[in-house]
Amino acid sequence: MRLILILMYNTKQKTTLIEYLKKQNEPLSATNIASNLTQIGKSTVFRLLTTLENEGVVQSCIENRTKLYIFRNQRCHNHIHASCSKCGRFIHLDENTSKQIEKAMEDSGLTIDSEEVIHCICDKCRVGIR
């Protein structure tokens, strides 16, 4: 039997991408990331995002049929994310609220796909609706 080791190593480009993502407060598309990191080729950004997602360093979500990426840190575990449909604000729901939502979904026979973002209208935009 043969043992194959997969080493996770950081290149200069990978480190640059990680540092860039750490500074972002909301998820971004690969195209948007690539346009802001002109020192890294677009195809390299796409490849590195896939690698970082597989390594658990970044989390992706689908919003309006576009895959978005955000740096995954300790506060991104065990909770659901929401996004305002009006202003695009990205919201980290607390763990308690997330559990309540998951329970309500389970009671309805549904399971939340952790790769998705719940779309909502935030409190600031809701004021303008009334």
C-alpha atoms as a PDB file:
ATOM      1  CA  MET A   1       0.000   0.000   0.000  1.00  0.00           C
ATOM      2  CA  ARG A   2       1.278   3.435  -0.939  1.00  0.00           C
ATOM      3  CA  LEU A   3       0.826   6.519   1.229  1.00  0.00           C
ATOM      4  CA  ILE A   4       0.437   9.818  -0.602  1.00  0.00           C
ATOM      5  CA  LEU A   5       0.977  13.021   1.325  1.00  0.00           C
ATOM      6  CA  ILE A   6      -0.576  16.254   0.179  1.00  0.00           C
ATOM      7  CA  LEU A   7       1.394  19.243   1.379  1.00  0.00           C
ATOM      8  CA  MET A   8      -0.299  22.602   1.763  1.00  0.00           C
ATOM      9  CA  TYR A   9       2.321  25.161   0.920  1.00  0.00           C
ATOM     10  CA  ASN A  10       2.129  28.877   0.354  1.00  0.00           C
ATOM     11  CA  THR A  11       3.501  30.621  -2.674  1.00  0.00           C
ATOM     12  CA  LYS A  12       3.961  34.385  -2.810  1.00  0.00           C
ATOM     13  CA  GLN A  13       0.776  34.646  -4.898  1.00  0.00           C
ATOM     14  CA  LYS A  14      -1.207  32.488  -2.493  1.00  0.00           C
ATOM     15  CA  THR A  15      -0.021  34.566   0.470  1.00  0.00           C
ATOM     16  CA  THR A  16      -0.933  37.787  -1.378  1.00  0.00           C
ATOM     17  CA  LEU A  17      -4.429  36.452  -2.102  1.00  0.00           C
ATOM     18  CA  ILE A  18      -4.967  35.330   1.504  1.00  0.00           C
ATOM     19  CA  GLU A  19      -3.821  38.695   2.876  1.00  0.00           C
ATOM     20  CA  TYR A  20      -6.147  40.497   0.448  1.00  0.00           C
ATOM     21  CA  LEU A  21      -9.126  38.333   1.449  1.00  0.00           C
ATOM     22  CA  LYS A  22      -8.437  38.864   5.168  1.00  0.00           C
ATOM     23  CA  LYS A  23      -8.993  42.607   4.662  1.00  0.00           C
ATOM     24  CA  GLN A  24     -12.380  42.217   2.946  1.00  0.00           C
ATOM     25  CA  ASN A  25     -15.625  42.575   4.905  1.00  0.00           C
ATOM     26  CA  GLU A  26     -17.900  41.000   2.344  1.00  0.00           C
ATOM     27  CA  PRO A  27     -17.674  38.173  -0.179  1.00  0.00           C
ATOM     28  CA  LEU A  28     -16.291  38.969  -3.636  1.00  0.00           C
ATOM     29  CA  SER A  29     -16.420  37.219  -6.991  1.00  0.00           C
ATOM     30  CA  ALA A  30     -13.274  35.694  -8.430  1.00  0.00           C
ATOM     31  CA  THR A  31     -13.412  38.239 -11.259  1.00  0.00           C
ATOM     32  CA  ASN A  32     -13.610  41.118  -8.788  1.00  0.00           C
ATOM     33  CA  ILE A  33     -10.716  39.699  -6.757  1.00  0.00           C
ATOM     34  CA  ALA A  34      -8.600  39.208  -9.884  1.00  0.00           C
ATOM     35  CA  SER A  35      -9.253  42.770 -11.048  1.00  0.00           C
ATOM     36  CA  ASN A  36      -8.015  44.088  -7.687  1.00  0.00           C
ATOM     37  CA  LEU A  37      -4.944  41.821  -7.593  1.00  0.00           C
ATOM     38  CA  THR A  38      -3.349  42.750 -10.898  1.00  0.00           C
ATOM     39  CA  GLN A  39       0.013  41.302  -9.801  1.00  0.00           C
ATOM     40  CA  ILE A  40      -1.560  37.813  -9.964  1.00  0.00           C
ATOM     41  CA  GLY A  41      -2.873  36.387 -13.218  1.00  0.00           C
ATOM     42  CA  LYS A  42      -6.631  35.874 -13.471  1.00  0.00           C
ATOM     43  CA  SER A  43      -6.362  32.114 -14.028  1.00  0.00           C
ATOM     44  CA  THR A  44      -4.021  31.845 -11.014  1.00  0.00           C
ATOM     45  CA  VAL A  45      -6.568  33.672  -8.829  1.00  0.00           C
ATOM     46  CA  PHE A  46      -9.303  31.245  -9.944  1.00  0.00           C
ATOM     47  CA  ARG A  47      -7.070  28.221  -9.312  1.00  0.00           C
ATOM     48  CA  LEU A  48      -5.899  29.506  -5.915  1.00  0.00           C
ATOM     49  CA  LEU A  49      -9.464  30.250  -4.781  1.00  0.00           C
ATOM     50  CA  THR A  50     -10.418  26.646  -5.525  1.00  0.00           C
ATOM     51  CA  THR A  51      -7.350  25.406  -3.641  1.00  0.00           C
ATOM     52  CA  LEU A  52      -8.044  27.702  -0.657  1.00  0.00           C
ATOM     53  CA  GLU A  53     -11.669  26.601  -0.564  1.00  0.00           C
ATOM     54  CA  ASN A  54     -10.606  22.941  -0.555  1.00  0.00           C
ATOM     55  CA  GLU A  55      -8.142  23.709   2.263  1.00  0.00           C
ATOM     56  CA  GLY A  56     -10.899  25.434   4.273  1.00  0.00           C
ATOM     57  CA  VAL A  57      -9.183  28.837   4.191  1.00  0.00           C
ATOM     58  CA  VAL A  58     -11.973  30.530   2.229  1.00  0.00           C
ATOM     59  CA  GLN A  59     -15.693  29.937   2.131  1.00  0.00           C
ATOM     60  CA  SER A  60     -17.796  30.361  -0.958  1.00  0.00           C
ATOM     61  CA  CYS A  61     -21.440  31.192  -1.380  1.00  0.00           C
ATOM     62  CA  ILE A  62     -23.702  31.624  -4.368  1.00  0.00           C
ATOM     63  CA  GLU A  63     -25.405  34.959  -4.786  1.00  0.00           C
ATOM     64  CA  ASN A  64     -27.406  35.806  -7.904  1.00  0.00           C
ATOM     65  CA  ARG A  65     -25.829  32.807  -9.662  1.00  0.00           C
ATOM     66  CA  THR A  66     -22.334  34.136  -8.970  1.00  0.00           C
ATOM     67  CA  LYS A  67     -19.873  32.318  -6.752  1.00  0.00           C
ATOM     68  CA  LEU A  68     -18.451  34.626  -4.102  1.00  0.00           C
ATOM     69  CA  TYR A  69     -15.511  34.049  -1.763  1.00  0.00           C
ATOM     70  CA  ILE A  70     -14.729  35.288   1.732  1.00  0.00           C
ATOM     71  CA  PHE A  71     -11.862  34.533   4.090  1.00  0.00           C
ATOM     72  CA  ARG A  72     -12.946  31.945   6.636  1.00  0.00           C
ATOM     73  CA  ASN A  73     -11.856  32.844  10.131  1.00  0.00           C
ATOM     74  CA  GLN A  74     -12.947  31.591  13.532  1.00  0.00           C
ATOM     75  CA  ARG A  75     -16.026  33.800  13.573  1.00  0.00           C
ATOM     76  CA  CYS A  76     -17.255  32.280  10.308  1.00  0.00           C
ATOM     77  CA  HIS A  77     -17.830  28.818  11.735  1.00  0.00           C
ATOM     78  CA  ASN A  78     -21.126  27.627  13.162  1.00  0.00           C
ATOM     79  CA  HIS A  79     -23.326  30.371  11.850  1.00  0.00           C
ATOM     80  CA  ILE A  80     -25.351  31.425   8.832  1.00  0.00           C
ATOM     81  CA  HIS A  81     -24.618  34.411   6.598  1.00  0.00           C
ATOM     82  CA  ALA A  82     -27.196  36.799   5.193  1.00  0.00           C
ATOM     83  CA  SER A  83     -26.994  39.404   2.469  1.00  0.00           C
ATOM     84  CA  CYS A  84     -29.187  42.458   1.977  1.00  0.00           C
ATOM     85  CA  SER A  85     -30.857  42.317  -1.428  1.00  0.00           C
ATOM     86  CA  LYS A  86     -30.956  46.115  -1.628  1.00  0.00           C
ATOM     87  CA  CYS A  87     -27.513  47.326  -0.479  1.00  0.00           C
ATOM     88  CA  GLY A  88     -25.520  44.079  -0.635  1.00  0.00           C
ATOM     89  CA  ARG A  89     -24.425  44.271   3.020  1.00  0.00           C
ATOM     90  CA  PHE A  90     -23.008  40.930   4.221  1.00  0.00           C
ATOM     91  CA  ILE A  91     -24.213  39.941   7.677  1.00  0.00           C
ATOM     92  CA  HIS A  92     -22.802  37.296  10.039  1.00  0.00           C
ATOM     93  CA  LEU A  93     -25.766  35.969  12.038  1.00  0.00           C
ATOM     94  CA  ASP A  94     -24.851  34.926  15.567  1.00  0.00           C
ATOM     95  CA  GLU A  95     -24.654  31.240  16.435  1.00  0.00           C
ATOM     96  CA  ASN A  96     -27.878  31.291  18.480  1.00  0.00           C
ATOM     97  CA  THR A  97     -29.915  32.869  15.665  1.00  0.00           C
ATOM     98  CA  SER A  98     -28.368  30.452  13.181  1.00  0.00           C
ATOM     99  CA  LYS A  99     -29.409  27.459  15.301  1.00  0.00           C
ATOM    100  CA  GLN A 100     -32.970  28.792  15.555  1.00  0.00           C
ATOM    101  CA  ILE A 101     -33.178  29.205  11.781  1.00  0.00           C
ATOM    102  CA  GLU A 102     -31.720  25.736  11.169  1.00  0.00           C
ATOM    103  CA  LYS A 103     -34.221  24.226  13.647  1.00  0.00           C
ATOM    104  CA  ALA A 104     -37.150  25.994  11.962  1.00  0.00           C
ATOM    105  CA  MET A 105     -35.972  24.731   8.574  1.00  0.00           C
ATOM    106  CA  GLU A 106     -35.557  21.160   9.874  1.00  0.00           C
ATOM    107  CA  ASP A 107     -39.076  21.315  11.360  1.00  0.00           C
ATOM    108  CA  SER A 108     -40.271  22.139   7.837  1.00  0.00           C
ATOM    109  CA  GLY A 109     -38.334  19.217   6.367  1.00  0.00           C
ATOM    110  CA  LEU A 110     -35.634  21.426   4.862  1.00  0.00           C
ATOM    111  CA  THR A 111     -31.878  21.623   5.286  1.00  0.00           C
ATOM    112  CA  ILE A 112     -29.882  24.803   4.805  1.00  0.00           C
ATOM    113  CA  ASP A 113     -27.114  24.484   2.247  1.00  0.00           C
ATOM    114  CA  SER A 114     -24.102  25.959   4.030  1.00  0.00           C
ATOM    115  CA  GLU A 115     -22.744  27.219   0.717  1.00  0.00           C
ATOM    116  CA  GLU A 116     -25.690  29.568   0.295  1.00  0.00           C
ATOM    117  CA  VAL A 117     -26.468  32.979   1.771  1.00  0.00           C
ATOM    118  CA  ILE A 118     -29.917  33.906   3.046  1.00  0.00           C
ATOM    119  CA  HIS A 119     -31.187  36.977   1.191  1.00  0.00           C
ATOM    120  CA  CYS A 120     -32.979  39.598   3.237  1.00  0.00           C
ATOM    121  CA  ILE A 121     -33.613  43.323   3.563  1.00  0.00           C
ATOM    122  CA  CYS A 122     -31.395  44.853   6.267  1.00  0.00           C
ATOM    123  CA  ASP A 123     -32.674  47.213   8.947  1.00  0.00           C
ATOM    124  CA  LYS A 124     -31.210  50.301   7.226  1.00  0.00           C
ATOM    125  CA  CYS A 125     -32.851  49.513   3.870  1.00  0.00           C
ATOM    126  CA  ARG A 126     -36.127  48.441   5.495  1.00  0.00           C
ATOM    127  CA  VAL A 127     -36.568  51.948   6.903  1.00  0.00           C
ATOM    128  CA  GLY A 128     -36.689  53.274   3.347  1.00  0.00           C
ATOM    129  CA  ILE A 129     -39.407  50.765   2.377  1.00  0.00           C
ATOM    130  CA  ARG A 130     -42.080  51.970   4.836  1.00  0.00           C
END
